């Protein structure tokens, strides 16, 4: 015996949503490790560029879960696949709730924890300021209700199995290739809506940092199993400090002075849209509610699990880096 300390085995991961926005960031984070963790990924179609540490199996929730997934020996299930485009409550329930239940029912006894990609939207409609995980969920949309249903499936499964459940609740996930949040803010900036942009604050996180958070919480689930201290909890995911809507307007403004005259008050426009018939009006009302009111979460619980290195980042600096990257791309 040489006295060298034995190396702990690498956590074995089962992953859904591997080809999605968050799942891709998680895999990129793992690929940057000296020894990437072994991953078995459930995908609709095997990607043309395969990562060497990933075993791809074809399937789809809820009806095409292949036998043996998650595979025997899995330590942590990272469940990031969900339906978020449909407005049909039955479809949302079938994929997000019933599909999650099916997935958990197939999990091996080796499972030590589950990470579920959920959303701050489960806290409900209206402004949220420093909202904590102790706040009562009040989901307003069919999608938010389905997300909360999936959370409850995971928490109950891990309660029965004695494992850890981390129910991840980001609000706005952004990045260099953000096709949703920042473009939506830019569209809002170009509307003649009168909003108190200096008083509206958002919790955000870069998608690459979100991938790192997922990896660190997966490791925490394994560590908690080893110590006999499993938890079942929601976890708000964001930078500690929110970003003001006005700062986003300023960062996105190009050219200077191009903002319209703001004469329409936001509240009556939201109310009008919510009163009009039809799916489009209801959807517009939801979007206006989302970007003209604060959605700001406390991340103390997250920091208690993974520390403050990621959460201490400046959201303005992160967003500014995207513009710098775009400029570099234009020059090249």
C-alpha atoms as a PDB file:
ATOM      1  CA  UNK A   1       0.000   0.000   0.000  1.00  0.00           C
ATOM      2  CA  UNK A   2       1.503   3.321  -1.083  1.00  0.00           C
ATOM      3  CA  UNK A   3      -0.552   5.557   1.171  1.00  0.00           C
ATOM      4  CA  UNK A   4      -1.915   7.547  -1.768  1.00  0.00           C
ATOM      5  CA  UNK A   5      -5.444   8.769  -1.232  1.00  0.00           C
ATOM      6  CA  UNK A   6      -8.000   6.880  -3.281  1.00  0.00           C
ATOM      7  CA  UNK A   7      -9.808   8.880  -5.917  1.00  0.00           C
ATOM      8  CA  UNK A   8     -13.564   9.090  -5.403  1.00  0.00           C
ATOM      9  CA  UNK A   9     -15.542   7.601  -8.286  1.00  0.00           C
ATOM     10  CA  UNK A  10     -17.003  10.084 -10.755  1.00  0.00           C
ATOM     11  CA  UNK A  11     -20.741  10.765 -10.315  1.00  0.00           C
ATOM     12  CA  UNK A  12     -22.816   8.959 -12.920  1.00  0.00           C
ATOM     13  CA  UNK A  13     -25.402  11.230 -14.498  1.00  0.00           C
ATOM     14  CA  UNK A  14     -28.633  10.555 -16.376  1.00  0.00           C
ATOM     15  CA  UNK A  15     -29.700  13.610 -18.353  1.00  0.00           C
ATOM     16  CA  UNK A  16     -32.821  14.729 -20.180  1.00  0.00           C
ATOM     17  CA  UNK A  17     -32.862  17.876 -22.289  1.00  0.00           C
ATOM     18  CA  UNK A  18     -29.260  17.351 -23.387  1.00  0.00           C
ATOM     19  CA  UNK A  19     -29.754  19.211 -26.672  1.00  0.00           C
ATOM     20  CA  UNK A  20     -31.619  22.116 -25.072  1.00  0.00           C
ATOM     21  CA  UNK A  21     -30.367  25.508 -23.929  1.00  0.00           C
ATOM     22  CA  UNK A  22     -29.584  24.571 -20.313  1.00  0.00           C
ATOM     23  CA  UNK A  23     -28.666  20.951 -21.054  1.00  0.00           C
ATOM     24  CA  UNK A  24     -26.113  22.031 -23.630  1.00  0.00           C
ATOM     25  CA  UNK A  25     -24.509  24.417 -21.130  1.00  0.00           C
ATOM     26  CA  UNK A  26     -24.343  21.668 -18.519  1.00  0.00           C
ATOM     27  CA  UNK A  27     -22.554  19.351 -20.951  1.00  0.00           C
ATOM     28  CA  UNK A  28     -20.162  22.116 -21.998  1.00  0.00           C
ATOM     29  CA  UNK A  29     -19.284  22.614 -18.336  1.00  0.00           C
ATOM     30  CA  UNK A  30     -18.625  18.897 -17.869  1.00  0.00           C
ATOM     31  CA  UNK A  31     -16.515  18.786 -21.033  1.00  0.00           C
ATOM     32  CA  UNK A  32     -14.223  21.414 -19.521  1.00  0.00           C
ATOM     33  CA  UNK A  33     -13.414  19.214 -16.525  1.00  0.00           C
ATOM     34  CA  UNK A  34     -10.133  17.283 -16.417  1.00  0.00           C
ATOM     35  CA  UNK A  35     -12.199  14.100 -16.015  1.00  0.00           C
ATOM     36  CA  UNK A  36     -15.767  14.617 -17.283  1.00  0.00           C
ATOM     37  CA  UNK A  37     -18.450  12.679 -15.474  1.00  0.00           C
ATOM     38  CA  UNK A  38     -20.054   9.814 -17.400  1.00  0.00           C
ATOM     39  CA  UNK A  39     -23.454  10.866 -18.740  1.00  0.00           C
ATOM     40  CA  UNK A  40     -26.287   8.886 -20.272  1.00  0.00           C
ATOM     41  CA  UNK A  41     -28.480  11.314 -22.218  1.00  0.00           C
ATOM     42  CA  UNK A  42     -32.026  10.742 -23.409  1.00  0.00           C
ATOM     43  CA  UNK A  43     -32.448  12.461 -26.809  1.00  0.00           C
ATOM     44  CA  UNK A  44     -35.012  12.454 -29.591  1.00  0.00           C
ATOM     45  CA  UNK A  45     -32.237  12.306 -32.173  1.00  0.00           C
ATOM     46  CA  UNK A  46     -28.591  11.475 -31.609  1.00  0.00           C
ATOM     47  CA  UNK A  47     -26.544  14.601 -32.446  1.00  0.00           C
ATOM     48  CA  UNK A  48     -24.042  14.461 -35.273  1.00  0.00           C
ATOM     49  CA  UNK A  49     -21.284  15.704 -32.950  1.00  0.00           C
ATOM     50  CA  UNK A  50     -21.144  13.311 -30.014  1.00  0.00           C
ATOM     51  CA  UNK A  51     -19.280  14.026 -26.815  1.00  0.00           C
ATOM     52  CA  UNK A  52     -16.968  11.161 -25.825  1.00  0.00           C
ATOM     53  CA  UNK A  53     -18.169  11.013 -22.205  1.00  0.00           C
ATOM     54  CA  UNK A  54     -21.861  10.870 -23.196  1.00  0.00           C
ATOM     55  CA  UNK A  55     -23.842   7.752 -24.065  1.00  0.00           C
ATOM     56  CA  UNK A  56     -26.869   8.751 -26.143  1.00  0.00           C
ATOM     57  CA  UNK A  57     -30.129   6.797 -26.040  1.00  0.00           C
ATOM     58  CA  UNK A  58     -33.112   7.682 -28.169  1.00  0.00           C
ATOM     59  CA  UNK A  59     -36.497   8.315 -26.643  1.00  0.00           C
ATOM     60  CA  UNK A  60     -38.975  10.971 -25.604  1.00  0.00           C
ATOM     61  CA  UNK A  61     -41.263  11.754 -22.700  1.00  0.00           C
ATOM     62  CA  UNK A  62     -43.898  10.734 -21.918  1.00  0.00           C
ATOM     63  CA  UNK A  63     -44.505   7.815 -24.267  1.00  0.00           C
ATOM     64  CA  UNK A  64     -41.105   6.776 -25.619  1.00  0.00           C
ATOM     65  CA  UNK A  65     -38.990   6.178 -22.532  1.00  0.00           C
ATOM     66  CA  UNK A  66     -36.603   3.360 -23.499  1.00  0.00           C
ATOM     67  CA  UNK A  67     -36.076   0.414 -21.190  1.00  0.00           C
ATOM     68  CA  UNK A  68     -33.061   0.895 -18.982  1.00  0.00           C
ATOM     69  CA  UNK A  69     -33.211   4.664 -18.735  1.00  0.00           C
ATOM     70  CA  UNK A  70     -32.121   5.980 -16.314  1.00  0.00           C
ATOM     71  CA  UNK A  71     -29.503   3.204 -16.365  1.00  0.00           C
ATOM     72  CA  UNK A  72     -28.489   1.074 -13.359  1.00  0.00           C
ATOM     73  CA  UNK A  73     -25.825   2.760 -11.263  1.00  0.00           C
ATOM     74  CA  UNK A  74     -27.056   6.307 -11.943  1.00  0.00           C
ATOM     75  CA  UNK A  75     -26.177   8.646  -9.071  1.00  0.00           C
ATOM     76  CA  UNK A  76     -27.992  11.818 -10.139  1.00  0.00           C
ATOM     77  CA  UNK A  77     -30.833  12.421 -12.570  1.00  0.00           C
ATOM     78  CA  UNK A  78     -30.691  15.879 -14.166  1.00  0.00           C
ATOM     79  CA  UNK A  79     -34.144  16.422 -15.650  1.00  0.00           C
ATOM     80  CA  UNK A  80     -34.177  19.463 -17.929  1.00  0.00           C
ATOM     81  CA  UNK A  81     -36.569  18.283 -20.653  1.00  0.00           C
ATOM     82  CA  UNK A  82     -40.013  19.882 -20.549  1.00  0.00           C
ATOM     83  CA  UNK A  83     -42.788  21.159 -22.756  1.00  0.00           C
ATOM     84  CA  UNK A  84     -42.954  24.950 -22.587  1.00  0.00           C
ATOM     85  CA  UNK A  85     -44.355  25.993 -25.962  1.00  0.00           C
ATOM     86  CA  UNK A  86     -47.829  24.475 -25.875  1.00  0.00           C
ATOM     87  CA  UNK A  87     -50.757  26.302 -24.292  1.00  0.00           C
ATOM     88  CA  UNK A  88     -52.787  23.091 -23.936  1.00  0.00           C
ATOM     89  CA  UNK A  89     -53.005  22.143 -20.232  1.00  0.00           C
ATOM     90  CA  UNK A  90     -53.426  18.457 -21.110  1.00  0.00           C
ATOM     91  CA  UNK A  91     -50.236  18.432 -23.195  1.00  0.00           C
ATOM     92  CA  UNK A  92     -48.322  20.316 -20.517  1.00  0.00           C
ATOM     93  CA  UNK A  93     -49.489  17.900 -17.823  1.00  0.00           C
ATOM     94  CA  UNK A  94     -48.773  14.827 -19.954  1.00  0.00           C
ATOM     95  CA  UNK A  95     -45.157  15.820 -20.642  1.00  0.00           C
ATOM     96  CA  UNK A  96     -44.122  17.801 -17.586  1.00  0.00           C
ATOM     97  CA  UNK A  97     -46.013  15.998 -14.825  1.00  0.00           C
ATOM     98  CA  UNK A  98     -46.929  12.512 -16.052  1.00  0.00           C
ATOM     99  CA  UNK A  99     -43.662  12.282 -18.011  1.00  0.00           C
ATOM    100  CA  UNK A 100     -41.661  13.175 -14.915  1.00  0.00           C
ATOM    101  CA  UNK A 101     -43.581  10.588 -12.895  1.00  0.00           C
ATOM    102  CA  UNK A 102     -42.791   7.919 -15.513  1.00  0.00           C
ATOM    103  CA  UNK A 103     -39.125   8.886 -15.525  1.00  0.00           C
ATOM    104  CA  UNK A 104     -38.877   8.698 -11.739  1.00  0.00           C
ATOM    105  CA  UNK A 105     -40.671   5.369 -11.698  1.00  0.00           C
ATOM    106  CA  UNK A 106     -37.956   3.927 -13.936  1.00  0.00           C
ATOM    107  CA  UNK A 107     -35.068   5.261 -11.828  1.00  0.00           C
ATOM    108  CA  UNK A 108     -32.672   2.704 -10.282  1.00  0.00           C
ATOM    109  CA  UNK A 109     -32.218   2.241  -6.553  1.00  0.00           C
ATOM    110  CA  UNK A 110     -28.715   3.734  -6.854  1.00  0.00           C
ATOM    111  CA  UNK A 111     -30.240   7.190  -7.394  1.00  0.00           C
ATOM    112  CA  UNK A 112     -29.013   9.687  -4.801  1.00  0.00           C
ATOM    113  CA  UNK A 113     -30.625  12.830  -6.112  1.00  0.00           C
ATOM    114  CA  UNK A 114     -32.684  14.569  -8.779  1.00  0.00           C
ATOM    115  CA  UNK A 115     -32.202  18.048 -10.206  1.00  0.00           C
ATOM    116  CA  UNK A 116     -35.298  19.408 -11.937  1.00  0.00           C
ATOM    117  CA  UNK A 117     -35.273  22.435 -14.199  1.00  0.00           C
ATOM    118  CA  UNK A 118     -38.262  24.484 -13.078  1.00  0.00           C
ATOM    119  CA  UNK A 119     -38.904  28.233 -12.959  1.00  0.00           C
ATOM    120  CA  UNK A 120     -39.531  31.214 -10.714  1.00  0.00           C
ATOM    121  CA  UNK A 121     -42.902  31.431 -12.479  1.00  0.00           C
ATOM    122  CA  UNK A 122     -44.368  28.978  -9.944  1.00  0.00           C
ATOM    123  CA  UNK A 123     -44.504  31.858  -7.431  1.00  0.00           C
ATOM    124  CA  UNK A 124     -47.304  33.377  -9.473  1.00  0.00           C
ATOM    125  CA  UNK A 125     -48.348  36.541 -11.243  1.00  0.00           C
ATOM    126  CA  UNK A 126     -47.317  40.054 -10.295  1.00  0.00           C
ATOM    127  CA  UNK A 127     -44.203  41.648  -8.886  1.00  0.00           C
ATOM    128  CA  UNK A 128     -41.744  39.592  -6.846  1.00  0.00           C
ATOM    129  CA  UNK A 129     -39.054  41.281  -4.787  1.00  0.00           C
ATOM    130  CA  UNK A 130     -36.483  39.253  -2.839  1.00  0.00           C
ATOM    131  CA  UNK A 131     -38.807  36.251  -3.027  1.00  0.00           C
ATOM    132  CA  UNK A 132     -37.483  33.249  -1.092  1.00  0.00           C
ATOM    133  CA  UNK A 133     -38.105  29.533  -1.441  1.00  0.00           C
ATOM    134  CA  UNK A 134     -40.428  29.761   1.569  1.00  0.00           C
ATOM    135  CA  UNK A 135     -42.927  31.812  -0.457  1.00  0.00           C
ATOM    136  CA  UNK A 136     -46.186  30.056  -1.251  1.00  0.00           C
ATOM    137  CA  UNK A 137     -46.330  28.903  -4.891  1.00  0.00           C
ATOM    138  CA  UNK A 138     -49.285  30.442  -6.718  1.00  0.00           C
ATOM    139  CA  UNK A 139     -48.877  29.395 -10.364  1.00  0.00           C
ATOM    140  CA  UNK A 140     -50.992  31.504 -12.680  1.00  0.00           C
ATOM    141  CA  UNK A 141     -50.471  29.899 -16.092  1.00  0.00           C
ATOM    142  CA  UNK A 142     -50.992  26.314 -17.236  1.00  0.00           C
ATOM    143  CA  UNK A 143     -47.248  26.019 -17.800  1.00  0.00           C
ATOM    144  CA  UNK A 144     -46.424  27.215 -14.286  1.00  0.00           C
ATOM    145  CA  UNK A 145     -48.970  24.775 -12.828  1.00  0.00           C
ATOM    146  CA  UNK A 146     -47.385  21.930 -14.789  1.00  0.00           C
ATOM    147  CA  UNK A 147     -43.934  22.943 -13.561  1.00  0.00           C
ATOM    148  CA  UNK A 148     -45.126  22.945  -9.971  1.00  0.00           C
ATOM    149  CA  UNK A 149     -46.710  19.543 -10.548  1.00  0.00           C
ATOM    150  CA  UNK A 150     -43.373  18.194 -11.769  1.00  0.00           C
ATOM    151  CA  UNK A 151     -41.639  19.672  -8.721  1.00  0.00           C
ATOM    152  CA  UNK A 152     -44.025  17.838  -6.417  1.00  0.00           C
ATOM    153  CA  UNK A 153     -43.469  14.561  -8.254  1.00  0.00           C
ATOM    154  CA  UNK A 154     -39.698  14.880  -7.788  1.00  0.00           C
ATOM    155  CA  UNK A 155     -39.890  15.974  -4.145  1.00  0.00           C
ATOM    156  CA  UNK A 156     -42.223  13.130  -3.222  1.00  0.00           C
ATOM    157  CA  UNK A 157     -40.154  10.537  -5.093  1.00  0.00           C
ATOM    158  CA  UNK A 158     -36.987  11.601  -3.294  1.00  0.00           C
ATOM    159  CA  UNK A 159     -38.797  11.723   0.039  1.00  0.00           C
ATOM    160  CA  UNK A 160     -39.814   8.094  -0.421  1.00  0.00           C
ATOM    161  CA  UNK A 161     -36.364   7.092  -1.658  1.00  0.00           C
ATOM    162  CA  UNK A 162     -34.366   9.105   0.867  1.00  0.00           C
ATOM    163  CA  UNK A 163     -32.573  11.140  -1.804  1.00  0.00           C
ATOM    164  CA  UNK A 164     -31.994  14.823  -2.475  1.00  0.00           C
ATOM    165  CA  UNK A 165     -34.270  16.905  -4.675  1.00  0.00           C
ATOM    166  CA  UNK A 166     -33.081  20.271  -5.958  1.00  0.00           C
ATOM    167  CA  UNK A 167     -35.937  22.030  -7.748  1.00  0.00           C
ATOM    168  CA  UNK A 168     -34.173  24.722  -9.769  1.00  0.00           C
ATOM    169  CA  UNK A 169     -36.020  28.009 -10.146  1.00  0.00           C
ATOM    170  CA  UNK A 170     -34.253  30.496 -12.428  1.00  0.00           C
ATOM    171  CA  UNK A 171     -36.258  33.413 -13.790  1.00  0.00           C
ATOM    172  CA  UNK A 172     -34.403  34.719 -16.851  1.00  0.00           C
ATOM    173  CA  UNK A 173     -31.602  32.680 -18.448  1.00  0.00           C
ATOM    174  CA  UNK A 174     -29.555  34.678 -20.912  1.00  0.00           C
ATOM    175  CA  UNK A 175     -26.430  34.277 -22.993  1.00  0.00           C
ATOM    176  CA  UNK A 176     -24.631  35.285 -26.165  1.00  0.00           C
ATOM    177  CA  UNK A 177     -27.196  33.400 -28.228  1.00  0.00           C
ATOM    178  CA  UNK A 178     -30.200  34.423 -26.106  1.00  0.00           C
ATOM    179  CA  UNK A 179     -33.261  34.274 -28.365  1.00  0.00           C
ATOM    180  CA  UNK A 180     -35.857  35.146 -25.743  1.00  0.00           C
ATOM    181  CA  UNK A 181     -35.119  37.420 -22.782  1.00  0.00           C
ATOM    182  CA  UNK A 182     -32.823  40.126 -24.175  1.00  0.00           C
ATOM    183  CA  UNK A 183     -34.645  40.312 -27.536  1.00  0.00           C
ATOM    184  CA  UNK A 184     -37.882  40.710 -25.540  1.00  0.00           C
ATOM    185  CA  UNK A 185     -36.361  43.539 -23.507  1.00  0.00           C
ATOM    186  CA  UNK A 186     -35.195  45.174 -26.729  1.00  0.00           C
ATOM    187  CA  UNK A 187     -38.716  44.982 -28.179  1.00  0.00           C
ATOM    188  CA  UNK A 188     -40.095  46.510 -24.980  1.00  0.00           C
ATOM    189  CA  UNK A 189     -37.521  49.306 -25.229  1.00  0.00           C
ATOM    190  CA  UNK A 190     -38.901  50.188 -28.654  1.00  0.00           C
ATOM    191  CA  UNK A 191     -42.534  50.413 -27.486  1.00  0.00           C
ATOM    192  CA  UNK A 192     -44.108  53.692 -26.315  1.00  0.00           C
ATOM    193  CA  UNK A 193     -44.911  52.137 -22.907  1.00  0.00           C
ATOM    194  CA  UNK A 194     -44.362  54.263 -19.822  1.00  0.00           C
ATOM    195  CA  UNK A 195     -42.704  52.092 -17.160  1.00  0.00           C
ATOM    196  CA  UNK A 196     -40.686  52.905 -14.049  1.00  0.00           C
ATOM    197  CA  UNK A 197     -37.691  51.165 -15.531  1.00  0.00           C
ATOM    198  CA  UNK A 198     -35.373  52.243 -12.728  1.00  0.00           C
ATOM    199  CA  UNK A 199     -37.619  50.480 -10.203  1.00  0.00           C
ATOM    200  CA  UNK A 200     -38.124  47.227 -12.108  1.00  0.00           C
ATOM    201  CA  UNK A 201     -35.507  44.570 -11.333  1.00  0.00           C
ATOM    202  CA  UNK A 202     -34.923  41.107 -12.759  1.00  0.00           C
ATOM    203  CA  UNK A 203     -33.081  38.039 -11.528  1.00  0.00           C
ATOM    204  CA  UNK A 204     -30.904  36.742 -14.353  1.00  0.00           C
ATOM    205  CA  UNK A 205     -28.167  34.189 -14.894  1.00  0.00           C
ATOM    206  CA  UNK A 206     -25.959  33.446 -17.862  1.00  0.00           C
ATOM    207  CA  UNK A 207     -26.666  30.022 -19.347  1.00  0.00           C
ATOM    208  CA  UNK A 208     -23.041  28.934 -18.963  1.00  0.00           C
ATOM    209  CA  UNK A 209     -23.157  29.832 -15.272  1.00  0.00           C
ATOM    210  CA  UNK A 210     -26.450  27.957 -15.002  1.00  0.00           C
ATOM    211  CA  UNK A 211     -24.703  24.883 -16.406  1.00  0.00           C
ATOM    212  CA  UNK A 212     -22.022  25.280 -13.739  1.00  0.00           C
ATOM    213  CA  UNK A 213     -24.676  25.615 -11.011  1.00  0.00           C
ATOM    214  CA  UNK A 214     -26.297  22.381 -12.162  1.00  0.00           C
ATOM    215  CA  UNK A 215     -22.960  20.557 -11.990  1.00  0.00           C
ATOM    216  CA  UNK A 216     -22.184  21.889  -8.520  1.00  0.00           C
ATOM    217  CA  UNK A 217     -25.609  20.956  -7.185  1.00  0.00           C
ATOM    218  CA  UNK A 218     -25.302  17.478  -8.710  1.00  0.00           C
ATOM    219  CA  UNK A 219     -22.067  17.044  -6.780  1.00  0.00           C
ATOM    220  CA  UNK A 220     -23.802  18.348  -3.652  1.00  0.00           C
ATOM    221  CA  UNK A 221     -26.512  15.693  -4.029  1.00  0.00           C
ATOM    222  CA  UNK A 222     -23.831  12.987  -4.030  1.00  0.00           C
ATOM    223  CA  UNK A 223     -22.058  14.574  -1.060  1.00  0.00           C
ATOM    224  CA  UNK A 224     -25.285  14.803   0.896  1.00  0.00           C
ATOM    225  CA  UNK A 225     -25.973  11.130   0.237  1.00  0.00           C
ATOM    226  CA  UNK A 226     -22.524  10.221   1.577  1.00  0.00           C
ATOM    227  CA  UNK A 227     -23.131  12.276   4.723  1.00  0.00           C
ATOM    228  CA  UNK A 228     -26.705  11.123   5.228  1.00  0.00           C
ATOM    229  CA  UNK A 229     -28.086  14.659   4.932  1.00  0.00           C
ATOM    230  CA  UNK A 230     -30.472  14.636   1.949  1.00  0.00           C
ATOM    231  CA  UNK A 231     -32.747  17.623   1.352  1.00  0.00           C
ATOM    232  CA  UNK A 232     -35.822  18.233  -0.734  1.00  0.00           C
ATOM    233  CA  UNK A 233     -35.983  21.903  -1.593  1.00  0.00           C
ATOM    234  CA  UNK A 234     -36.627  24.501  -4.232  1.00  0.00           C
ATOM    235  CA  UNK A 235     -33.532  26.543  -5.141  1.00  0.00           C
ATOM    236  CA  UNK A 236     -33.760  30.020  -6.648  1.00  0.00           C
ATOM    237  CA  UNK A 237     -31.019  30.341  -9.289  1.00  0.00           C
ATOM    238  CA  UNK A 238     -29.668  33.776 -10.223  1.00  0.00           C
ATOM    239  CA  UNK A 239     -26.951  36.267  -9.492  1.00  0.00           C
ATOM    240  CA  UNK A 240     -27.229  37.735  -6.013  1.00  0.00           C
ATOM    241  CA  UNK A 241     -27.901  41.231  -7.299  1.00  0.00           C
ATOM    242  CA  UNK A 242     -30.687  41.807  -9.821  1.00  0.00           C
ATOM    243  CA  UNK A 243     -30.367  43.979 -12.893  1.00  0.00           C
ATOM    244  CA  UNK A 244     -32.552  47.057 -13.349  1.00  0.00           C
ATOM    245  CA  UNK A 245     -34.682  47.300 -16.472  1.00  0.00           C
ATOM    246  CA  UNK A 246     -33.252  50.784 -17.071  1.00  0.00           C
ATOM    247  CA  UNK A 247     -29.730  49.352 -17.102  1.00  0.00           C
ATOM    248  CA  UNK A 248     -30.801  46.806 -19.696  1.00  0.00           C
ATOM    249  CA  UNK A 249     -32.370  49.580 -21.787  1.00  0.00           C
ATOM    250  CA  UNK A 250     -29.072  51.489 -21.604  1.00  0.00           C
ATOM    251  CA  UNK A 251     -26.975  48.437 -22.459  1.00  0.00           C
ATOM    252  CA  UNK A 252     -29.154  47.546 -25.434  1.00  0.00           C
ATOM    253  CA  UNK A 253     -29.595  51.086 -26.762  1.00  0.00           C
ATOM    254  CA  UNK A 254     -28.123  51.490 -30.244  1.00  0.00           C
ATOM    255  CA  UNK A 255     -27.913  54.091 -31.576  1.00  0.00           C
ATOM    256  CA  UNK A 256     -28.103  56.487 -28.607  1.00  0.00           C
ATOM    257  CA  UNK A 257     -31.298  58.475 -28.385  1.00  0.00           C
ATOM    258  CA  UNK A 258     -33.344  55.991 -30.401  1.00  0.00           C
ATOM    259  CA  UNK A 259     -35.887  55.262 -27.661  1.00  0.00           C
ATOM    260  CA  UNK A 260     -39.491  56.243 -28.476  1.00  0.00           C
ATOM    261  CA  UNK A 261     -41.562  58.766 -26.564  1.00  0.00           C
ATOM    262  CA  UNK A 262     -43.176  56.837 -23.704  1.00  0.00           C
ATOM    263  CA  UNK A 263     -46.787  57.895 -23.406  1.00  0.00           C
ATOM    264  CA  UNK A 264     -48.772  54.670 -22.853  1.00  0.00           C
ATOM    265  CA  UNK A 265     -48.967  53.646 -19.148  1.00  0.00           C
ATOM    266  CA  UNK A 266     -48.104  49.976 -18.786  1.00  0.00           C
ATOM    267  CA  UNK A 267     -50.778  48.985 -16.240  1.00  0.00           C
ATOM    268  CA  UNK A 268     -53.860  49.883 -18.367  1.00  0.00           C
ATOM    269  CA  UNK A 269     -52.284  48.213 -21.409  1.00  0.00           C
ATOM    270  CA  UNK A 270     -51.762  45.016 -19.377  1.00  0.00           C
ATOM    271  CA  UNK A 271     -55.357  45.175 -18.140  1.00  0.00           C
ATOM    272  CA  UNK A 272     -56.723  45.756 -21.641  1.00  0.00           C
ATOM    273  CA  UNK A 273     -54.808  42.808 -23.065  1.00  0.00           C
ATOM    274  CA  UNK A 274     -55.998  40.521 -20.272  1.00  0.00           C
ATOM    275  CA  UNK A 275     -59.629  41.540 -20.942  1.00  0.00           C
ATOM    276  CA  UNK A 276     -59.503  41.011 -24.701  1.00  0.00           C
ATOM    277  CA  UNK A 277     -60.581  37.601 -26.066  1.00  0.00           C
ATOM    278  CA  UNK A 278     -58.218  35.272 -27.820  1.00  0.00           C
ATOM    279  CA  UNK A 279     -54.941  33.520 -27.142  1.00  0.00           C
ATOM    280  CA  UNK A 280     -52.754  36.267 -28.629  1.00  0.00           C
ATOM    281  CA  UNK A 281     -54.108  38.950 -26.310  1.00  0.00           C
ATOM    282  CA  UNK A 282     -53.705  36.671 -23.290  1.00  0.00           C
ATOM    283  CA  UNK A 283     -50.153  35.841 -24.318  1.00  0.00           C
ATOM    284  CA  UNK A 284     -49.297  39.524 -24.755  1.00  0.00           C
ATOM    285  CA  UNK A 285     -50.740  40.250 -21.313  1.00  0.00           C
ATOM    286  CA  UNK A 286     -48.523  37.544 -19.798  1.00  0.00           C
ATOM    287  CA  UNK A 287     -45.442  38.917 -21.538  1.00  0.00           C
ATOM    288  CA  UNK A 288     -46.138  42.476 -20.448  1.00  0.00           C
ATOM    289  CA  UNK A 289     -46.690  41.310 -16.889  1.00  0.00           C
ATOM    290  CA  UNK A 290     -43.363  39.521 -17.047  1.00  0.00           C
ATOM    291  CA  UNK A 291     -41.236  42.433 -18.287  1.00  0.00           C
ATOM    292  CA  UNK A 292     -42.979  45.443 -16.693  1.00  0.00           C
ATOM    293  CA  UNK A 293     -42.863  44.135 -13.106  1.00  0.00           C
ATOM    294  CA  UNK A 294     -39.972  43.073 -10.897  1.00  0.00           C
ATOM    295  CA  UNK A 295     -39.061  39.397 -10.704  1.00  0.00           C
ATOM    296  CA  UNK A 296     -36.271  39.267  -8.169  1.00  0.00           C
ATOM    297  CA  UNK A 297     -35.320  36.210  -6.110  1.00  0.00           C
ATOM    298  CA  UNK A 298     -33.224  35.772  -2.987  1.00  0.00           C
ATOM    299  CA  UNK A 299     -30.416  33.257  -3.631  1.00  0.00           C
ATOM    300  CA  UNK A 300     -29.174  32.696  -0.095  1.00  0.00           C
ATOM    301  CA  UNK A 301     -30.110  29.025  -0.185  1.00  0.00           C
ATOM    302  CA  UNK A 302     -28.167  28.485  -3.419  1.00  0.00           C
ATOM    303  CA  UNK A 303     -25.132  30.217  -1.926  1.00  0.00           C
ATOM    304  CA  UNK A 304     -25.376  27.960   1.112  1.00  0.00           C
ATOM    305  CA  UNK A 305     -24.977  24.961  -1.186  1.00  0.00           C
ATOM    306  CA  UNK A 306     -22.349  26.123  -3.698  1.00  0.00           C
ATOM    307  CA  UNK A 307     -20.752  29.283  -2.282  1.00  0.00           C
ATOM    308  CA  UNK A 308     -20.745  32.771  -3.760  1.00  0.00           C
ATOM    309  CA  UNK A 309     -18.205  32.684  -6.599  1.00  0.00           C
ATOM    310  CA  UNK A 310     -20.893  32.515  -9.297  1.00  0.00           C
ATOM    311  CA  UNK A 311     -23.660  34.470  -7.611  1.00  0.00           C
ATOM    312  CA  UNK A 312     -21.420  37.480  -6.882  1.00  0.00           C
ATOM    313  CA  UNK A 313     -21.019  38.288 -10.573  1.00  0.00           C
ATOM    314  CA  UNK A 314     -22.326  41.617 -11.852  1.00  0.00           C
ATOM    315  CA  UNK A 315     -25.298  41.025 -14.185  1.00  0.00           C
ATOM    316  CA  UNK A 316     -24.557  44.276 -16.032  1.00  0.00           C
ATOM    317  CA  UNK A 317     -20.991  43.135 -16.712  1.00  0.00           C
ATOM    318  CA  UNK A 318     -22.275  39.781 -17.952  1.00  0.00           C
ATOM    319  CA  UNK A 319     -24.755  41.394 -20.370  1.00  0.00           C
ATOM    320  CA  UNK A 320     -22.148  43.946 -21.492  1.00  0.00           C
ATOM    321  CA  UNK A 321     -19.837  41.066 -22.416  1.00  0.00           C
ATOM    322  CA  UNK A 322     -22.364  39.901 -25.008  1.00  0.00           C
ATOM    323  CA  UNK A 323     -22.183  43.237 -26.806  1.00  0.00           C
ATOM    324  CA  UNK A 324     -18.392  43.092 -26.732  1.00  0.00           C
ATOM    325  CA  UNK A 325     -18.511  39.586 -28.189  1.00  0.00           C
ATOM    326  CA  UNK A 326     -20.898  40.732 -30.940  1.00  0.00           C
ATOM    327  CA  UNK A 327     -18.518  43.579 -31.810  1.00  0.00           C
ATOM    328  CA  UNK A 328     -15.602  41.166 -32.028  1.00  0.00           C
ATOM    329  CA  UNK A 329     -17.624  38.882 -34.307  1.00  0.00           C
ATOM    330  CA  UNK A 330     -18.541  41.810 -36.569  1.00  0.00           C
ATOM    331  CA  UNK A 331     -14.878  42.836 -36.851  1.00  0.00           C
ATOM    332  CA  UNK A 332     -13.732  39.310 -37.632  1.00  0.00           C
END
